[in-house]
N, C-alpha and C. Protein backbone atom coordinates (compact mmCIF):
# COMPACT_ATOMS: atom_id res chain seq x y z
N MET A 1 0.84 -1.18 0.00
CA MET A 1 0.00 0.00 0.00
C MET A 1 0.89 1.24 0.00
N ALA A 2 0.62 2.16 -0.89
CA ALA A 2 1.43 3.38 -1.02
C ALA A 2 1.10 4.36 0.10
N ASP A 3 2.12 5.13 0.50
CA ASP A 3 1.90 6.17 1.49
C ASP A 3 0.95 7.21 0.92
N LYS A 4 0.07 7.72 1.77
CA LYS A 4 -0.79 8.81 1.31
C LYS A 4 0.03 10.09 1.21
N THR A 5 -0.29 10.90 0.24
CA THR A 5 0.40 12.17 0.07
C THR A 5 -0.28 13.20 0.95
N VAL A 6 0.52 13.88 1.75
CA VAL A 6 0.01 14.93 2.62
C VAL A 6 0.70 16.22 2.22
N LEU A 7 -0.09 17.22 1.90
CA LEU A 7 0.47 18.51 1.51
C LEU A 7 0.77 19.34 2.74
N PRO A 8 1.82 20.17 2.68
CA PRO A 8 2.10 21.06 3.81
C PRO A 8 0.93 22.01 4.04
N PRO A 9 0.69 22.38 5.29
CA PRO A 9 -0.41 23.31 5.57
C PRO A 9 -0.15 24.68 4.95
N GLN A 10 -1.23 25.41 4.68
CA GLN A 10 -1.13 26.71 4.02
C GLN A 10 -0.25 27.70 4.79
N ALA A 11 -0.38 27.73 6.11
CA ALA A 11 0.43 28.67 6.89
C ALA A 11 1.93 28.40 6.70
N TYR A 12 2.29 27.13 6.57
CA TYR A 12 3.70 26.79 6.36
C TYR A 12 4.16 27.25 4.98
N THR A 13 3.34 27.05 3.96
CA THR A 13 3.73 27.51 2.63
C THR A 13 3.82 29.03 2.58
N THR A 14 3.00 29.72 3.36
CA THR A 14 3.11 31.18 3.49
C THR A 14 4.47 31.56 4.07
N VAL A 15 4.88 30.86 5.12
CA VAL A 15 6.18 31.13 5.75
C VAL A 15 7.30 30.97 4.73
N LEU A 16 7.22 29.95 3.90
CA LEU A 16 8.26 29.70 2.91
C LEU A 16 8.37 30.83 1.89
N SER A 17 7.29 31.54 1.66
CA SER A 17 7.33 32.63 0.69
C SER A 17 7.61 34.00 1.33
N ASN A 18 7.53 34.07 2.66
CA ASN A 18 7.81 35.34 3.34
C ASN A 18 9.25 35.78 3.11
N ARG A 19 9.44 37.07 2.85
CA ARG A 19 10.76 37.69 2.82
C ARG A 19 10.61 39.05 3.49
N PHE A 20 11.61 39.44 4.25
CA PHE A 20 11.57 40.73 4.93
C PHE A 20 12.69 41.62 4.41
N THR A 21 12.46 42.92 4.47
CA THR A 21 13.51 43.87 4.11
C THR A 21 14.48 43.99 5.28
N SER A 22 15.63 44.53 5.01
CA SER A 22 16.61 44.75 6.08
C SER A 22 16.02 45.66 7.16
N GLU A 23 15.23 46.65 6.75
CA GLU A 23 14.60 47.56 7.71
C GLU A 23 13.58 46.83 8.58
N GLN A 24 12.81 45.92 7.99
CA GLN A 24 11.85 45.14 8.77
C GLN A 24 12.57 44.26 9.79
N ILE A 25 13.68 43.66 9.39
CA ILE A 25 14.45 42.82 10.30
C ILE A 25 14.98 43.68 11.46
N ASP A 26 15.52 44.85 11.15
CA ASP A 26 15.99 45.76 12.21
C ASP A 26 14.86 46.11 13.17
N ALA A 27 13.68 46.37 12.65
CA ALA A 27 12.53 46.72 13.50
C ALA A 27 12.13 45.55 14.39
N PHE A 28 12.11 44.32 13.84
CA PHE A 28 11.81 43.13 14.64
C PHE A 28 12.82 43.01 15.79
N ILE A 29 14.10 43.12 15.46
CA ILE A 29 15.15 42.94 16.46
C ILE A 29 15.09 44.04 17.52
N THR A 30 14.83 45.26 17.10
CA THR A 30 14.72 46.37 18.05
C THR A 30 13.55 46.15 19.01
N SER A 31 12.43 45.66 18.50
CA SER A 31 11.24 45.51 19.34
C SER A 31 11.24 44.25 20.19
N SER A 32 11.90 43.17 19.73
CA SER A 32 11.77 41.91 20.47
C SER A 32 13.06 41.13 20.65
N GLY A 33 14.18 41.67 20.26
CA GLY A 33 15.45 40.99 20.48
C GLY A 33 15.78 39.98 19.39
N LYS A 34 16.73 39.12 19.71
CA LYS A 34 17.22 38.14 18.73
C LYS A 34 16.10 37.20 18.30
N PRO A 35 16.06 36.89 17.00
CA PRO A 35 15.09 35.90 16.53
C PRO A 35 15.53 34.49 16.92
N THR A 36 14.63 33.55 16.77
CA THR A 36 14.91 32.14 17.08
C THR A 36 14.89 31.33 15.79
N PHE A 37 15.95 30.55 15.57
CA PHE A 37 16.04 29.67 14.42
C PHE A 37 15.45 28.32 14.81
N VAL A 38 14.47 27.84 14.02
CA VAL A 38 13.86 26.53 14.26
C VAL A 38 14.07 25.67 13.03
N TYR A 39 14.15 24.36 13.24
CA TYR A 39 14.57 23.48 12.15
C TYR A 39 13.84 22.15 12.14
N GLY A 40 12.84 21.98 12.94
CA GLY A 40 12.08 20.73 13.00
C GLY A 40 10.60 21.03 13.06
N SER A 41 9.91 20.38 13.96
CA SER A 41 8.46 20.54 14.07
C SER A 41 8.05 21.99 14.33
N LEU A 42 8.91 22.77 14.97
CA LEU A 42 8.57 24.16 15.26
C LEU A 42 8.57 25.05 14.01
N MET A 43 8.98 24.52 12.86
CA MET A 43 8.89 25.29 11.62
C MET A 43 7.44 25.47 11.19
N PHE A 44 6.54 24.69 11.75
CA PHE A 44 5.12 24.79 11.40
C PHE A 44 4.44 25.80 12.30
N PRO A 45 3.82 26.84 11.73
CA PRO A 45 3.17 27.86 12.55
C PRO A 45 2.14 27.29 13.52
N SER A 46 1.44 26.23 13.15
CA SER A 46 0.46 25.66 14.08
C SER A 46 1.13 25.10 15.32
N ILE A 47 2.29 24.50 15.16
CA ILE A 47 2.98 23.88 16.30
C ILE A 47 3.65 24.94 17.17
N ILE A 48 4.45 25.82 16.57
CA ILE A 48 5.10 26.85 17.38
C ILE A 48 4.04 27.78 17.98
N GLY A 49 2.93 27.97 17.28
CA GLY A 49 1.82 28.75 17.82
C GLY A 49 1.22 28.10 19.05
N ASN A 50 1.03 26.77 19.00
CA ASN A 50 0.52 26.05 20.18
C ASN A 50 1.49 26.16 21.35
N VAL A 51 2.78 25.99 21.07
CA VAL A 51 3.79 26.03 22.13
C VAL A 51 3.87 27.41 22.77
N THR A 52 3.84 28.45 21.94
CA THR A 52 4.01 29.82 22.46
C THR A 52 2.69 30.51 22.79
N GLN A 53 1.59 29.81 22.54
CA GLN A 53 0.24 30.36 22.75
C GLN A 53 0.04 31.63 21.92
N THR A 54 0.37 31.49 20.63
CA THR A 54 0.25 32.58 19.67
C THR A 54 -0.61 32.10 18.50
N ARG A 55 -1.47 32.96 18.00
CA ARG A 55 -2.31 32.58 16.86
C ARG A 55 -1.42 32.22 15.66
N GLU A 56 -1.81 31.16 14.97
CA GLU A 56 -1.04 30.63 13.85
C GLU A 56 -0.75 31.70 12.79
N ASN A 57 -1.76 32.48 12.40
CA ASN A 57 -1.54 33.47 11.34
C ASN A 57 -0.63 34.60 11.80
N VAL A 58 -0.66 34.93 13.09
CA VAL A 58 0.19 36.00 13.62
C VAL A 58 1.65 35.56 13.59
N ILE A 59 1.91 34.37 14.09
CA ILE A 59 3.31 33.92 14.12
C ILE A 59 3.82 33.62 12.72
N ALA A 60 2.96 33.12 11.83
CA ALA A 60 3.38 32.83 10.46
C ALA A 60 3.89 34.10 9.76
N ASN A 61 3.28 35.24 10.08
CA ASN A 61 3.68 36.49 9.45
C ASN A 61 5.00 37.04 9.97
N ALA A 62 5.57 36.41 11.00
CA ALA A 62 6.85 36.83 11.56
C ALA A 62 7.92 35.75 11.36
N MET A 63 7.69 34.87 10.38
CA MET A 63 8.61 33.77 10.11
C MET A 63 9.08 33.82 8.66
N THR A 64 10.35 33.43 8.43
CA THR A 64 10.92 33.38 7.09
C THR A 64 12.00 32.30 7.02
N ARG A 65 12.29 31.86 5.82
CA ARG A 65 13.37 30.88 5.62
C ARG A 65 14.71 31.45 6.06
N ALA A 66 15.58 30.55 6.52
CA ALA A 66 16.93 30.97 6.91
C ALA A 66 17.86 29.76 6.86
N VAL A 67 19.15 30.02 6.96
CA VAL A 67 20.15 28.96 6.91
C VAL A 67 21.13 29.14 8.07
N LEU A 68 21.35 28.06 8.79
CA LEU A 68 22.34 28.03 9.87
C LEU A 68 23.58 27.33 9.32
N LEU A 69 24.67 28.07 9.22
CA LEU A 69 25.90 27.54 8.65
C LEU A 69 26.72 26.80 9.70
N GLY A 70 27.50 25.82 9.25
CA GLY A 70 28.41 25.12 10.15
C GLY A 70 27.74 24.15 11.10
N HIS A 71 26.54 23.72 10.78
CA HIS A 71 25.79 22.77 11.61
C HIS A 71 25.19 21.68 10.72
N GLN A 72 24.77 20.58 11.34
CA GLN A 72 24.10 19.50 10.64
C GLN A 72 22.84 19.12 11.38
N ARG A 73 21.82 18.71 10.60
CA ARG A 73 20.57 18.21 11.17
C ARG A 73 20.64 16.69 11.19
N TYR A 74 20.17 16.10 12.28
CA TYR A 74 20.15 14.65 12.45
C TYR A 74 18.75 14.21 12.84
N ALA A 75 18.46 12.96 12.58
CA ALA A 75 17.24 12.35 13.10
C ALA A 75 17.56 11.77 14.46
N VAL A 76 16.69 12.01 15.44
CA VAL A 76 16.86 11.44 16.77
C VAL A 76 16.30 10.01 16.72
N ILE A 77 17.09 9.05 17.17
CA ILE A 77 16.69 7.64 17.13
C ILE A 77 15.40 7.45 17.92
N GLY A 78 14.39 6.83 17.26
CA GLY A 78 13.13 6.52 17.91
C GLY A 78 12.21 7.71 18.12
N ALA A 79 12.46 8.82 17.41
CA ALA A 79 11.64 10.02 17.61
C ALA A 79 11.23 10.62 16.27
N ASP A 80 10.19 11.44 16.30
CA ASP A 80 9.72 12.14 15.10
C ASP A 80 10.25 13.56 15.03
N PHE A 81 11.27 13.87 15.80
CA PHE A 81 11.83 15.22 15.79
C PHE A 81 13.33 15.14 15.55
N PRO A 82 13.88 16.20 14.97
CA PRO A 82 15.32 16.21 14.67
C PRO A 82 16.13 16.90 15.76
N ALA A 83 17.41 16.90 15.54
CA ALA A 83 18.35 17.65 16.38
C ALA A 83 19.42 18.21 15.47
N ILE A 84 20.10 19.25 15.93
CA ILE A 84 21.25 19.74 15.19
C ILE A 84 22.44 19.81 16.13
N MET A 85 23.59 19.70 15.51
CA MET A 85 24.85 19.84 16.23
C MET A 85 25.82 20.61 15.33
N ALA A 86 26.76 21.29 15.96
CA ALA A 86 27.80 21.96 15.20
C ALA A 86 28.59 20.91 14.43
N SER A 87 29.02 21.27 13.25
CA SER A 87 29.77 20.37 12.39
C SER A 87 31.22 20.80 12.33
N GLU A 88 32.10 19.82 12.19
CA GLU A 88 33.52 20.14 11.99
C GLU A 88 33.74 20.70 10.59
N ASP A 89 32.80 20.47 9.69
CA ASP A 89 32.88 20.95 8.31
C ASP A 89 32.07 22.23 8.19
N SER A 90 32.74 23.35 8.01
CA SER A 90 32.07 24.65 7.98
C SER A 90 31.14 24.81 6.77
N THR A 91 31.24 23.92 5.78
CA THR A 91 30.37 24.01 4.61
C THR A 91 29.00 23.37 4.86
N HIS A 92 28.86 22.61 5.94
CA HIS A 92 27.56 22.03 6.26
C HIS A 92 26.60 23.14 6.68
N SER A 93 25.33 22.94 6.40
CA SER A 93 24.34 23.93 6.80
C SER A 93 23.00 23.26 7.06
N VAL A 94 22.15 23.95 7.78
CA VAL A 94 20.81 23.48 8.09
C VAL A 94 19.83 24.53 7.61
N GLU A 95 18.91 24.11 6.75
CA GLU A 95 17.85 25.01 6.33
C GLU A 95 16.74 24.94 7.36
N GLY A 96 16.20 26.10 7.68
CA GLY A 96 15.14 26.15 8.66
C GLY A 96 14.36 27.44 8.54
N ILE A 97 13.79 27.85 9.64
CA ILE A 97 12.92 29.03 9.68
C ILE A 97 13.39 29.93 10.81
N LEU A 98 13.40 31.22 10.54
CA LEU A 98 13.73 32.23 11.53
C LEU A 98 12.43 32.85 12.03
N VAL A 99 12.26 32.88 13.35
CA VAL A 99 11.04 33.40 13.96
C VAL A 99 11.38 34.71 14.66
N PHE A 100 10.76 35.77 14.21
CA PHE A 100 10.94 37.09 14.80
C PHE A 100 9.76 37.40 15.72
N GLY A 101 9.94 38.40 16.56
CA GLY A 101 8.83 38.97 17.30
C GLY A 101 8.37 38.24 18.54
N LEU A 102 9.14 37.26 19.02
CA LEU A 102 8.73 36.55 20.23
C LEU A 102 9.00 37.41 21.47
N ASN A 103 8.02 37.47 22.36
CA ASN A 103 8.22 38.21 23.60
C ASN A 103 8.80 37.28 24.67
N SER A 104 9.08 37.80 25.85
CA SER A 104 9.75 37.01 26.89
C SER A 104 8.89 35.82 27.34
N GLU A 105 7.58 35.97 27.39
CA GLU A 105 6.72 34.85 27.78
C GLU A 105 6.74 33.74 26.73
N GLN A 106 6.69 34.12 25.47
CA GLN A 106 6.74 33.14 24.39
C GLN A 106 8.09 32.42 24.37
N ARG A 107 9.17 33.15 24.60
CA ARG A 107 10.50 32.54 24.66
C ARG A 107 10.60 31.57 25.83
N ALA A 108 10.01 31.94 26.96
CA ALA A 108 10.03 31.06 28.14
C ALA A 108 9.27 29.77 27.83
N ARG A 109 8.17 29.85 27.10
CA ARG A 109 7.42 28.64 26.73
C ARG A 109 8.24 27.74 25.82
N LEU A 110 8.98 28.35 24.88
CA LEU A 110 9.88 27.56 24.03
C LEU A 110 10.98 26.90 24.85
N ASP A 111 11.53 27.63 25.81
CA ASP A 111 12.58 27.06 26.67
C ASP A 111 12.05 25.83 27.41
N VAL A 112 10.84 25.90 27.92
CA VAL A 112 10.24 24.75 28.63
C VAL A 112 10.03 23.60 27.65
N PHE A 113 9.49 23.90 26.48
CA PHE A 113 9.22 22.88 25.46
C PHE A 113 10.50 22.14 25.07
N GLU A 114 11.60 22.86 24.93
CA GLU A 114 12.87 22.27 24.48
C GLU A 114 13.76 21.80 25.64
N SER A 115 13.34 22.03 26.88
CA SER A 115 14.19 21.70 28.02
C SER A 115 14.45 20.21 28.12
N GLY A 116 15.62 19.90 28.64
CA GLY A 116 15.99 18.51 28.85
C GLY A 116 16.79 17.91 27.72
N LEU A 117 16.41 18.21 26.47
CA LEU A 117 17.09 17.61 25.33
C LEU A 117 18.02 18.58 24.61
N TYR A 118 17.76 19.87 24.76
CA TYR A 118 18.49 20.87 23.99
C TYR A 118 19.05 21.96 24.90
N THR A 119 20.08 22.62 24.39
CA THR A 119 20.60 23.82 25.04
C THR A 119 20.46 24.98 24.06
N LYS A 120 20.16 26.15 24.58
CA LYS A 120 19.98 27.32 23.72
C LYS A 120 21.32 28.01 23.55
N GLU A 121 21.65 28.31 22.29
CA GLU A 121 22.90 28.98 21.97
C GLU A 121 22.65 30.14 21.03
N THR A 122 23.53 31.11 21.07
CA THR A 122 23.49 32.21 20.11
C THR A 122 24.39 31.85 18.94
N VAL A 123 23.86 32.01 17.74
CA VAL A 123 24.58 31.64 16.52
C VAL A 123 24.35 32.72 15.47
N GLN A 124 25.09 32.61 14.38
CA GLN A 124 24.88 33.51 13.25
C GLN A 124 24.08 32.77 12.18
N ILE A 125 23.06 33.46 11.67
CA ILE A 125 22.10 32.87 10.75
C ILE A 125 22.03 33.73 9.50
N GLU A 126 21.96 33.06 8.36
CA GLU A 126 21.84 33.76 7.08
C GLU A 126 20.37 33.80 6.67
N VAL A 127 19.91 34.99 6.33
CA VAL A 127 18.51 35.17 5.92
C VAL A 127 18.48 35.90 4.58
N ALA A 128 17.62 35.43 3.67
CA ALA A 128 17.44 36.09 2.38
C ALA A 128 16.59 37.34 2.57
N LEU A 129 16.97 38.41 1.90
CA LEU A 129 16.27 39.68 2.03
C LEU A 129 15.28 39.89 0.88
N LYS A 130 14.20 40.57 1.18
CA LYS A 130 13.18 40.87 0.18
C LYS A 130 13.77 41.65 -0.99
N GLU A 131 14.70 42.56 -0.69
CA GLU A 131 15.29 43.39 -1.73
C GLU A 131 16.41 42.68 -2.49
N GLY A 132 16.65 41.42 -2.15
CA GLY A 132 17.71 40.65 -2.80
C GLY A 132 18.92 40.54 -1.89
N GLY A 133 19.73 39.55 -2.13
CA GLY A 133 20.90 39.32 -1.31
C GLY A 133 20.55 38.65 0.00
N THR A 134 21.55 38.55 0.85
CA THR A 134 21.36 37.91 2.16
C THR A 134 21.97 38.78 3.24
N ARG A 135 21.64 38.45 4.45
CA ARG A 135 22.18 39.16 5.61
C ARG A 135 22.46 38.14 6.71
N ILE A 136 23.56 38.31 7.41
CA ILE A 136 23.89 37.45 8.55
C ILE A 136 23.48 38.19 9.82
N ILE A 137 22.68 37.52 10.66
CA ILE A 137 22.24 38.13 11.91
C ILE A 137 22.44 37.14 13.06
N ASP A 138 22.56 37.69 14.26
CA ASP A 138 22.62 36.85 15.45
C ASP A 138 21.22 36.39 15.79
N GLY A 139 21.14 35.12 16.18
CA GLY A 139 19.87 34.55 16.61
C GLY A 139 20.12 33.45 17.60
N GLN A 140 19.04 32.88 18.09
CA GLN A 140 19.16 31.79 19.05
C GLN A 140 18.65 30.51 18.42
N VAL A 141 19.23 29.39 18.85
CA VAL A 141 18.84 28.08 18.34
C VAL A 141 18.98 27.07 19.46
N TYR A 142 18.18 26.04 19.41
CA TYR A 142 18.26 24.94 20.38
C TYR A 142 19.11 23.83 19.76
N ILE A 143 20.27 23.58 20.37
CA ILE A 143 21.25 22.60 19.92
C ILE A 143 21.09 21.32 20.75
N TRP A 144 21.27 20.17 20.11
CA TRP A 144 21.15 18.89 20.80
C TRP A 144 22.07 18.85 22.02
N GLY A 145 21.51 18.51 23.15
CA GLY A 145 22.28 18.43 24.39
C GLY A 145 22.46 17.01 24.88
N GLY A 146 21.91 16.05 24.13
CA GLY A 146 22.01 14.65 24.52
C GLY A 146 23.28 14.01 23.98
N ASP A 147 23.33 12.70 24.10
CA ASP A 147 24.48 11.94 23.61
C ASP A 147 24.46 11.85 22.09
N ARG A 148 25.62 11.95 21.49
CA ARG A 148 25.76 11.85 20.03
C ARG A 148 25.25 10.52 19.51
N ASP A 149 25.37 9.45 20.30
CA ASP A 149 24.94 8.13 19.84
C ASP A 149 23.42 7.96 19.81
N GLU A 150 22.68 8.99 20.21
CA GLU A 150 21.22 8.97 20.11
C GLU A 150 20.74 9.53 18.77
N LEU A 151 21.68 9.90 17.89
CA LEU A 151 21.35 10.51 16.62
C LEU A 151 21.77 9.63 15.46
N HIS A 152 20.96 9.62 14.40
CA HIS A 152 21.34 8.96 13.14
C HIS A 152 22.29 9.87 12.39
N GLU A 153 23.31 9.28 11.81
CA GLU A 153 24.18 10.06 10.93
C GLU A 153 23.33 10.65 9.83
N ILE A 154 23.70 11.81 9.37
CA ILE A 154 22.92 12.49 8.35
C ILE A 154 22.81 11.67 7.07
N GLU A 155 23.84 10.89 6.73
CA GLU A 155 23.78 10.07 5.52
C GLU A 155 22.76 8.94 5.66
N GLU A 156 22.53 8.49 6.88
CA GLU A 156 21.62 7.36 7.10
C GLU A 156 20.16 7.77 7.09
N SER A 157 19.85 8.85 7.79
CA SER A 157 18.44 9.22 7.96
C SER A 157 18.31 10.69 8.26
N LEU A 158 17.90 11.45 7.29
CA LEU A 158 17.72 12.88 7.45
C LEU A 158 16.26 13.17 7.77
N TRP A 159 16.03 13.90 8.84
CA TRP A 159 14.67 14.32 9.18
C TRP A 159 14.19 15.26 8.08
N THR A 160 12.99 15.05 7.58
CA THR A 160 12.46 15.91 6.52
C THR A 160 11.06 16.40 6.88
N VAL A 161 10.69 17.52 6.30
CA VAL A 161 9.34 18.06 6.47
C VAL A 161 8.33 17.05 5.97
N ASP A 162 8.58 16.45 4.81
CA ASP A 162 7.63 15.48 4.25
C ASP A 162 7.39 14.30 5.17
N SER A 163 8.48 13.76 5.74
CA SER A 163 8.30 12.62 6.64
C SER A 163 7.57 13.05 7.90
N PHE A 164 7.83 14.25 8.38
CA PHE A 164 7.17 14.71 9.60
C PHE A 164 5.67 14.92 9.39
N ILE A 165 5.26 15.54 8.27
CA ILE A 165 3.83 15.79 8.10
C ILE A 165 3.04 14.50 7.84
N GLN A 166 3.74 13.41 7.57
CA GLN A 166 3.06 12.13 7.44
C GLN A 166 3.11 11.31 8.74
N SER A 167 3.71 11.87 9.79
CA SER A 167 3.87 11.15 11.05
C SER A 167 2.69 11.35 11.98
N SER A 168 2.58 10.48 12.96
CA SER A 168 1.53 10.62 13.97
C SER A 168 1.77 11.85 14.83
N SER A 169 3.01 12.26 15.00
CA SER A 169 3.30 13.47 15.78
C SER A 169 2.69 14.70 15.13
N TYR A 170 2.81 14.81 13.80
CA TYR A 170 2.20 15.97 13.15
C TYR A 170 0.68 15.92 13.28
N GLU A 171 0.12 14.72 13.13
CA GLU A 171 -1.34 14.59 13.28
C GLU A 171 -1.80 15.10 14.64
N SER A 172 -1.06 14.79 15.69
CA SER A 172 -1.50 15.21 17.03
C SER A 172 -1.08 16.64 17.37
N TRP A 173 0.10 17.11 16.91
CA TRP A 173 0.57 18.44 17.26
C TRP A 173 0.16 19.50 16.25
N GLY A 174 0.22 19.14 14.98
CA GLY A 174 0.13 20.15 13.93
C GLY A 174 -1.25 20.45 13.40
N SER A 175 -2.19 19.60 13.68
CA SER A 175 -3.52 19.84 13.10
C SER A 175 -4.44 20.54 14.08
N GLY A 176 -3.84 20.98 15.22
CA GLY A 176 -4.47 21.61 16.35
C GLY A 176 -5.57 22.51 16.08
């Protein structure tokens, strides 16, 4: 029996098309501090919205594609969520989503959600600009804090958006 095809939710496809100007990014950072880079289930506005208690359409409008350089994404053994770790190869990168505009309460909710498995670090993130080109900005990301042997090598099993939206975790978290 073939896997059923599941399309990404509309809010997620909106996020993928969002681009901000350099001035908009400056305004976000001035009003709410460093953005947060997400690279797994939190890339979906419905899920990060549930975690931060923010309406899906509001948070989706403050999210855009981004790239974290010098890191790799891994699949966590026995889980439907990924992890990232710094790579010895500076050419490795992780594509994900940059979330702007989170207030201190929303950040605290993310910290609780990610606690135990991840540590929060400040990193440099590349973001595409609406006017063209890219910009490197400081942001925060949750890095795997567990044992390396709990992760699949990237060549063996890469966590993907497609595999996640077909998982039971997305059904329970993302269709909220």
